[in-house]
PDB file of N, CA and C in Angstrom:
ATOM      1  N   GLN A   1     -13.030   5.515 -13.963  1.00  0.00           N
ATOM      2  CA  GLN A   1     -13.519   4.274 -13.506  1.00  0.00           C
ATOM      3  C   GLN A   1     -12.804   3.841 -12.215  1.00  0.00           C
ATOM      4  N   ALA A   2     -11.615   3.848 -12.322  1.00  0.00           N
ATOM      5  CA  ALA A   2     -10.900   3.303 -11.226  1.00  0.00           C
ATOM      6  C   ALA A   2     -11.193   4.104  -9.902  1.00  0.00           C
ATOM      7  N   ALA A   3     -11.234   5.374  -9.925  1.00  0.00           N
ATOM      8  CA  ALA A   3     -11.489   6.243  -8.796  1.00  0.00           C
ATOM      9  C   ALA A   3     -12.912   5.925  -8.286  1.00  0.00           C
ATOM     10  N   ARG A   4     -13.813   5.696  -9.073  1.00  0.00           N
ATOM     11  CA  ARG A   4     -15.222   5.389  -8.831  1.00  0.00           C
ATOM     12  C   ARG A   4     -15.226   4.129  -8.123  1.00  0.00           C
ATOM     13  N   ASP A   5     -14.589   2.964  -8.732  1.00  0.00           N
ATOM     14  CA  ASP A   5     -14.560   1.717  -8.020  1.00  0.00           C
ATOM     15  C   ASP A   5     -13.865   1.809  -6.690  1.00  0.00           C
ATOM     16  N   PHE A   6     -12.860   2.504  -6.542  1.00  0.00           N
ATOM     17  CA  PHE A   6     -12.174   2.834  -5.166  1.00  0.00           C
ATOM     18  C   PHE A   6     -13.149   3.302  -4.227  1.00  0.00           C
ATOM     19  N   MET A   7     -13.881   4.345  -4.670  1.00  0.00           N
ATOM     20  CA  MET A   7     -14.825   4.937  -3.664  1.00  0.00           C
ATOM     21  C   MET A   7     -15.998   4.077  -3.314  1.00  0.00           C
ATOM     22  N   LEU A   8     -16.550   3.311  -4.318  1.00  0.00           N
ATOM     23  CA  LEU A   8     -17.670   2.429  -4.056  1.00  0.00           C
ATOM     24  C   LEU A   8     -17.109   1.325  -3.116  1.00  0.00           C
ATOM     25  N   GLY A   9     -15.964   0.744  -3.277  1.00  0.00           N
ATOM     26  CA  GLY A   9     -15.408  -0.363  -2.402  1.00  0.00           C
ATOM     27  C   GLY A   9     -15.195   0.192  -1.069  1.00  0.00           C
ATOM     28  N   HIS A  10     -14.749   1.484  -0.808  1.00  0.00           N
ATOM     29  CA  HIS A  10     -14.693   1.911   0.536  1.00  0.00           C
ATOM     30  C   HIS A  10     -15.950   2.143   1.257  1.00  0.00           C
ATOM     31  N   MET A  11     -17.073   2.501   0.307  1.00  0.00           N
ATOM     32  CA  MET A  11     -18.347   2.779   0.905  1.00  0.00           C
ATOM     33  C   MET A  11     -18.885   1.468   1.461  1.00  0.00           C
ATOM     34  N   THR A  12     -18.570   0.362   0.622  1.00  0.00           N
ATOM     35  CA  THR A  12     -19.116  -1.014   1.026  1.00  0.00           C
ATOM     36  C   THR A  12     -18.530  -1.371   2.378  1.00  0.00           C
ATOM     37  N   ILE A  13     -17.152  -1.163   2.499  1.00  0.00           N
ATOM     38  CA  ILE A  13     -16.617  -1.518   3.759  1.00  0.00           C
ATOM     39  C   ILE A  13     -17.069  -0.611   4.877  1.00  0.00           C
ATOM     40  N   LEU A  14     -17.230   0.675   4.609  1.00  0.00           N
ATOM     41  CA  LEU A  14     -17.730   1.532   5.654  1.00  0.00           C
ATOM     42  C   LEU A  14     -19.097   1.141   6.202  1.00  0.00           C
ATOM     43  N   THR A  15     -19.995   0.735   5.301  1.00  0.00           N
ATOM     44  CA  THR A  15     -21.290   0.108   5.616  1.00  0.00           C
ATOM     45  C   THR A  15     -21.075  -1.043   6.475  1.00  0.00           C
ATOM     46  N   ALA A  16     -20.234  -1.848   6.029  1.00  0.00           N
ATOM     47  CA  ALA A  16     -20.220  -3.135   6.976  1.00  0.00           C
ATOM     48  C   ALA A  16     -19.707  -2.807   8.376  1.00  0.00           C
ATOM     49  N   VAL A  17     -18.695  -1.909   8.518  1.00  0.00           N
ATOM     50  CA  VAL A  17     -18.228  -1.455   9.814  1.00  0.00           C
ATOM     51  C   VAL A  17     -19.194  -0.890  10.606  1.00  0.00           C
ATOM     52  N   LEU A  18     -20.072   0.119  10.040  1.00  0.00           N
ATOM     53  CA  LEU A  18     -21.060   0.835  10.676  1.00  0.00           C
ATOM     54  C   LEU A  18     -22.148  -0.009  11.223  1.00  0.00           C
ATOM     55  N   PHE A  19     -22.421  -1.090  10.403  1.00  0.00           N
ATOM     56  CA  PHE A  19     -23.485  -2.060  10.925  1.00  0.00           C
ATOM     57  C   PHE A  19     -22.908  -3.232  11.643  1.00  0.00           C
ATOM     58  N   GLU A  20     -21.590  -3.037  12.068  1.00  0.00           N
ATOM     59  CA  GLU A  20     -20.998  -4.085  12.831  1.00  0.00           C
ATOM     60  C   GLU A  20     -21.014  -5.439  12.259  1.00  0.00           C
ATOM     61  N   GLU A  21     -20.892  -5.508  11.069  1.00  0.00           N
ATOM     62  CA  GLU A  21     -20.708  -6.856  10.398  1.00  0.00           C
ATOM     63  C   GLU A  21     -19.290  -7.470  10.427  1.00  0.00           C
ATOM     64  N   ILE A  22     -18.379  -6.582  10.888  1.00  0.00           N
ATOM     65  CA  ILE A  22     -16.976  -7.115  10.946  1.00  0.00           C
ATOM     66  C   ILE A  22     -16.526  -6.676  12.370  1.00  0.00           C
ATOM     67  N   PRO A  23     -16.796  -7.609  13.310  1.00  0.00           N
ATOM     68  CA  PRO A  23     -16.624  -7.382  14.813  1.00  0.00           C
ATOM     69  C   PRO A  23     -15.167  -7.026  15.088  1.00  0.00           C
ATOM     70  N   GLY A  24     -15.090  -5.843  15.896  1.00  0.00           N
ATOM     71  CA  GLY A  24     -13.785  -5.426  16.366  1.00  0.00           C
ATOM     72  C   GLY A  24     -13.118  -4.473  15.468  1.00  0.00           C
ATOM     73  N   VAL A  25     -13.630  -4.226  14.394  1.00  0.00           N
ATOM     74  CA  VAL A  25     -12.952  -3.293  13.372  1.00  0.00           C
ATOM     75  C   VAL A  25     -13.489  -1.965  13.620  1.00  0.00           C
ATOM     76  N   GLN A  26     -12.472  -0.965  13.527  1.00  0.00           N
ATOM     77  CA  GLN A  26     -12.784   0.352  13.605  1.00  0.00           C
ATOM     78  C   GLN A  26     -12.356   1.188  12.328  1.00  0.00           C
ATOM     79  N   LEU A  27     -12.860   2.250  12.090  1.00  0.00           N
ATOM     80  CA  LEU A  27     -12.460   3.015  11.004  1.00  0.00           C
ATOM     81  C   LEU A  27     -11.113   3.732  11.328  1.00  0.00           C
ATOM     82  N   SER A  28     -10.361   3.868  10.292  1.00  0.00           N
ATOM     83  CA  SER A  28      -9.086   4.607  10.434  1.00  0.00           C
ATOM     84  C   SER A  28      -9.239   6.075  10.728  1.00  0.00           C
ATOM     85  N   ASP A  29      -8.227   6.730  11.313  1.00  0.00           N
ATOM     86  CA  ASP A  29      -8.393   8.228  11.480  1.00  0.00           C
ATOM     87  C   ASP A  29      -8.707   8.862  10.210  1.00  0.00           C
ATOM     88  N   GLY A  30      -8.126   8.451   9.092  1.00  0.00           N
ATOM     89  CA  GLY A  30      -8.241   9.001   7.823  1.00  0.00           C
ATOM     90  C   GLY A  30      -9.830   8.910   7.261  1.00  0.00           C
ATOM     91  N   ALA A  31     -10.283   7.722   7.553  1.00  0.00           N
ATOM     92  CA  ALA A  31     -11.731   7.423   7.148  1.00  0.00           C
ATOM     93  C   ALA A  31     -12.557   8.266   8.168  1.00  0.00           C
ATOM     94  N   GLN A  32     -12.415   8.370   9.456  1.00  0.00           N
ATOM     95  CA  GLN A  32     -13.242   9.210  10.298  1.00  0.00           C
ATOM     96  C   GLN A  32     -13.165  10.674   9.757  1.00  0.00           C
ATOM     97  N   MET A  33     -11.890  11.187   9.363  1.00  0.00           N
ATOM     98  CA  MET A  33     -11.824  12.570   8.937  1.00  0.00           C
ATOM     99  C   MET A  33     -12.674  12.744   7.676  1.00  0.00           C
ATOM    100  N   ALA A  34     -12.544  11.806   6.715  1.00  0.00           N
ATOM    101  CA  ALA A  34     -13.310  11.906   5.450  1.00  0.00           C
ATOM    102  C   ALA A  34     -14.805  11.878   5.705  1.00  0.00           C
ATOM    103  N   ILE A  35     -15.334  11.051   6.743  1.00  0.00           N
ATOM    104  CA  ILE A  35     -16.707  11.022   6.995  1.00  0.00           C
ATOM    105  C   ILE A  35     -17.144  12.414   7.499  1.00  0.00           C
ATOM    106  N   LYS A  36     -16.363  13.001   8.410  1.00  0.00           N
ATOM    107  CA  LYS A  36     -16.671  14.334   9.012  1.00  0.00           C
ATOM    108  C   LYS A  36     -16.772  15.298   8.011  1.00  0.00           C
ATOM    109  N   GLN A  37     -15.894  15.380   6.974  1.00  0.00           N
ATOM    110  CA  GLN A  37     -15.859  16.319   5.885  1.00  0.00           C
ATOM    111  C   GLN A  37     -16.888  16.234   4.851  1.00  0.00           C
ATOM    112  N   ALA A  38     -17.332  14.880   4.726  1.00  0.00           N
ATOM    113  CA  ALA A  38     -18.242  14.571   3.716  1.00  0.00           C
ATOM    114  C   ALA A  38     -19.724  14.644   3.984  1.00  0.00           C
ATOM    115  N   LYS A  39     -20.055  14.567   5.316  1.00  0.00           N
ATOM    116  CA  LYS A  39     -21.376  14.387   5.778  1.00  0.00           C
ATOM    117  C   LYS A  39     -22.342  15.579   5.095  1.00  0.00           C
ATOM    118  N   GLN A  40     -21.800  16.665   5.168  1.00  0.00           N
ATOM    119  CA  GLN A  40     -22.639  17.753   4.614  1.00  0.00           C
ATOM    120  C   GLN A  40     -22.893  17.720   3.094  1.00  0.00           C
ATOM    121  N   GLU A  41     -21.918  17.150   2.370  1.00  0.00           N
ATOM    122  CA  GLU A  41     -22.049  16.992   0.929  1.00  0.00           C
ATOM    123  C   GLU A  41     -22.926  15.773   0.602  1.00  0.00           C
ATOM    124  N   LEU A  42     -22.644  14.729   1.383  1.00  0.00           N
ATOM    125  CA  LEU A  42     -23.407  13.456   0.933  1.00  0.00           C
ATOM    126  C   LEU A  42     -24.857  13.555   1.134  1.00  0.00           C
ATOM    127  N   PHE A  43     -25.399  14.312   2.010  1.00  0.00           N
ATOM    128  CA  PHE A  43     -26.843  14.235   2.356  1.00  0.00           C
ATOM    129  C   PHE A  43     -27.591  15.537   1.614  1.00  0.00           C
ATOM    130  N   GLN A  44     -27.195  15.676   0.354  1.00  0.00           N
ATOM    131  CA  GLN A  44     -27.658  16.694  -0.423  1.00  0.00           C
ATOM    132  C   GLN A  44     -28.307  16.203  -1.749  1.00  0.00           C
ATOM    133  N   PRO A  45     -29.276  16.847  -2.341  1.00  0.00           N
ATOM    134  CA  PRO A  45     -29.730  16.452  -3.698  1.00  0.00           C
ATOM    135  C   PRO A  45     -28.578  16.174  -4.758  1.00  0.00           C
ATOM    136  N   ASP A  46     -27.569  16.927  -4.806  1.00  0.00           N
ATOM    137  CA  ASP A  46     -26.543  16.911  -5.664  1.00  0.00           C
ATOM    138  C   ASP A  46     -25.329  16.083  -5.135  1.00  0.00           C
ATOM    139  N   TRP A  47     -25.634  15.125  -4.366  1.00  0.00           N
ATOM    140  CA  TRP A  47     -24.480  14.346  -3.753  1.00  0.00           C
ATOM    141  C   TRP A  47     -23.482  13.664  -4.641  1.00  0.00           C
ATOM    142  N   LYS A  48     -23.941  13.412  -5.889  1.00  0.00           N
ATOM    143  CA  LYS A  48     -23.019  12.767  -6.796  1.00  0.00           C
ATOM    144  C   LYS A  48     -21.855  13.559  -7.171  1.00  0.00           C
ATOM    145  N   LYS A  49     -21.835  14.739  -6.891  1.00  0.00           N
ATOM    146  CA  LYS A  49     -20.655  15.628  -7.194  1.00  0.00           C
ATOM    147  C   LYS A  49     -19.512  15.132  -6.414  1.00  0.00           C
ATOM    148  N   VAL A  50     -19.613  14.220  -5.462  1.00  0.00           N
ATOM    149  CA  VAL A  50     -18.400  13.738  -4.753  1.00  0.00           C
ATOM    150  C   VAL A  50     -17.566  12.852  -5.577  1.00  0.00           C
ATOM    151  N   PHE A  51     -18.187  12.369  -6.624  1.00  0.00           N
ATOM    152  CA  PHE A  51     -17.458  11.573  -7.630  1.00  0.00           C
ATOM    153  C   PHE A  51     -16.741  12.348  -8.665  1.00  0.00           C
ATOM    154  N   GLU A  52     -16.835  13.578  -8.763  1.00  0.00           N
ATOM    155  CA  GLU A  52     -16.113  14.509  -9.653  1.00  0.00           C
ATOM    156  C   GLU A  52     -14.695  14.447  -9.485  1.00  0.00           C
ATOM    157  N   PRO A  53     -13.791  14.332 -10.338  1.00  0.00           N
ATOM    158  CA  PRO A  53     -12.297  14.271 -10.063  1.00  0.00           C
ATOM    159  C   PRO A  53     -11.878  15.181  -9.197  1.00  0.00           C
ATOM    160  N   GLU A  54     -12.228  16.530  -9.341  1.00  0.00           N
ATOM    161  CA  GLU A  54     -11.565  17.647  -8.531  1.00  0.00           C
ATOM    162  C   GLU A  54     -12.059  17.409  -6.996  1.00  0.00           C
ATOM    163  N   ALA A  55     -13.296  17.117  -6.798  1.00  0.00           N
ATOM    164  CA  ALA A  55     -13.875  16.709  -5.433  1.00  0.00           C
ATOM    165  C   ALA A  55     -13.080  15.627  -4.944  1.00  0.00           C
ATOM    166  N   MET A  56     -12.858  14.555  -5.488  1.00  0.00           N
ATOM    167  CA  MET A  56     -12.053  13.361  -4.969  1.00  0.00           C
ATOM    168  C   MET A  56     -10.532  13.940  -4.737  1.00  0.00           C
ATOM    169  N   LEU A  57      -9.920  14.633  -5.531  1.00  0.00           N
ATOM    170  CA  LEU A  57      -8.696  14.951  -5.384  1.00  0.00           C
ATOM    171  C   LEU A  57      -8.565  15.980  -4.215  1.00  0.00           C
ATOM    172  N   GLN A  58      -9.498  16.813  -3.959  1.00  0.00           N
ATOM    173  CA  GLN A  58      -9.560  17.782  -2.813  1.00  0.00           C
ATOM    174  C   GLN A  58      -9.642  16.817  -1.524  1.00  0.00           C
ATOM    175  N   SER A  59     -10.536  15.981  -1.610  1.00  0.00           N
ATOM    176  CA  SER A  59     -10.762  15.050  -0.414  1.00  0.00           C
ATOM    177  C   SER A  59      -9.528  14.335   0.005  1.00  0.00           C
ATOM    178  N   VAL A  60      -8.825  13.748  -1.048  1.00  0.00           N
ATOM    179  CA  VAL A  60      -7.576  13.000  -0.819  1.00  0.00           C
ATOM    180  C   VAL A  60      -6.509  13.956  -0.193  1.00  0.00           C
ATOM    181  N   ARG A  61      -6.423  15.112  -0.750  1.00  0.00           N
ATOM    182  CA  ARG A  61      -5.493  16.178  -0.272  1.00  0.00           C
ATOM    183  C   ARG A  61      -5.629  16.538   1.229  1.00  0.00           C
ATOM    184  N   SER A  62      -6.940  16.807   1.569  1.00  0.00           N
ATOM    185  CA  SER A  62      -7.278  17.092   2.865  1.00  0.00           C
ATOM    186  C   SER A  62      -7.129  16.034   3.860  1.00  0.00           C
ATOM    187  N   ILE A  63      -7.305  14.761   3.498  1.00  0.00           N
ATOM    188  CA  ILE A  63      -6.996  13.570   4.437  1.00  0.00           C
ATOM    189  C   ILE A  63      -5.441  13.365   4.604  1.00  0.00           C
ATOM    190  N   THR A  64      -4.792  13.439   3.403  1.00  0.00           N
ATOM    191  CA  THR A  64      -3.400  13.092   3.570  1.00  0.00           C
ATOM    192  C   THR A  64      -2.422  14.326   3.998  1.00  0.00           C
ATOM    193  N   ASN A  65      -3.080  15.535   4.008  1.00  0.00           N
ATOM    194  CA  ASN A  65      -2.211  16.657   4.508  1.00  0.00           C
ATOM    195  C   ASN A  65      -3.228  17.464   5.461  1.00  0.00           C
ATOM    196  N   PRO A  66      -3.564  16.809   6.646  1.00  0.00           N
ATOM    197  CA  PRO A  66      -4.452  17.436   7.574  1.00  0.00           C
ATOM    198  C   PRO A  66      -3.641  18.616   8.159  1.00  0.00           C
ATOM    199  N   PRO A  67      -4.547  19.610   8.636  1.00  0.00           N
ATOM    200  CA  PRO A  67      -3.996  20.777   9.216  1.00  0.00           C
ATOM    201  C   PRO A  67      -3.186  20.469  10.644  1.00  0.00           C
ATOM    202  N   GLN A  68      -2.315  21.117  10.927  1.00  0.00           N
ATOM    203  CA  GLN A  68      -1.276  20.661  12.101  1.00  0.00           C
ATOM    204  C   GLN A  68      -1.984  21.342  13.326  1.00  0.00           C
TER     205      GLN A  68
END
């Protein structure tokens, strides 16, 4: 439940930033990387798989340990 709430909170902030509801705020490098990686997964019929624990763990690992 905590991971789900975390993700939904981030999605709320992301939406506010994308629709310029928070003037002058930009997404972090990590957020931009997550968006780039997730685009192909989110716009699919089975998009809810992004909430699966292994999918979240993999996403966090790729953001916190980017390729050099």
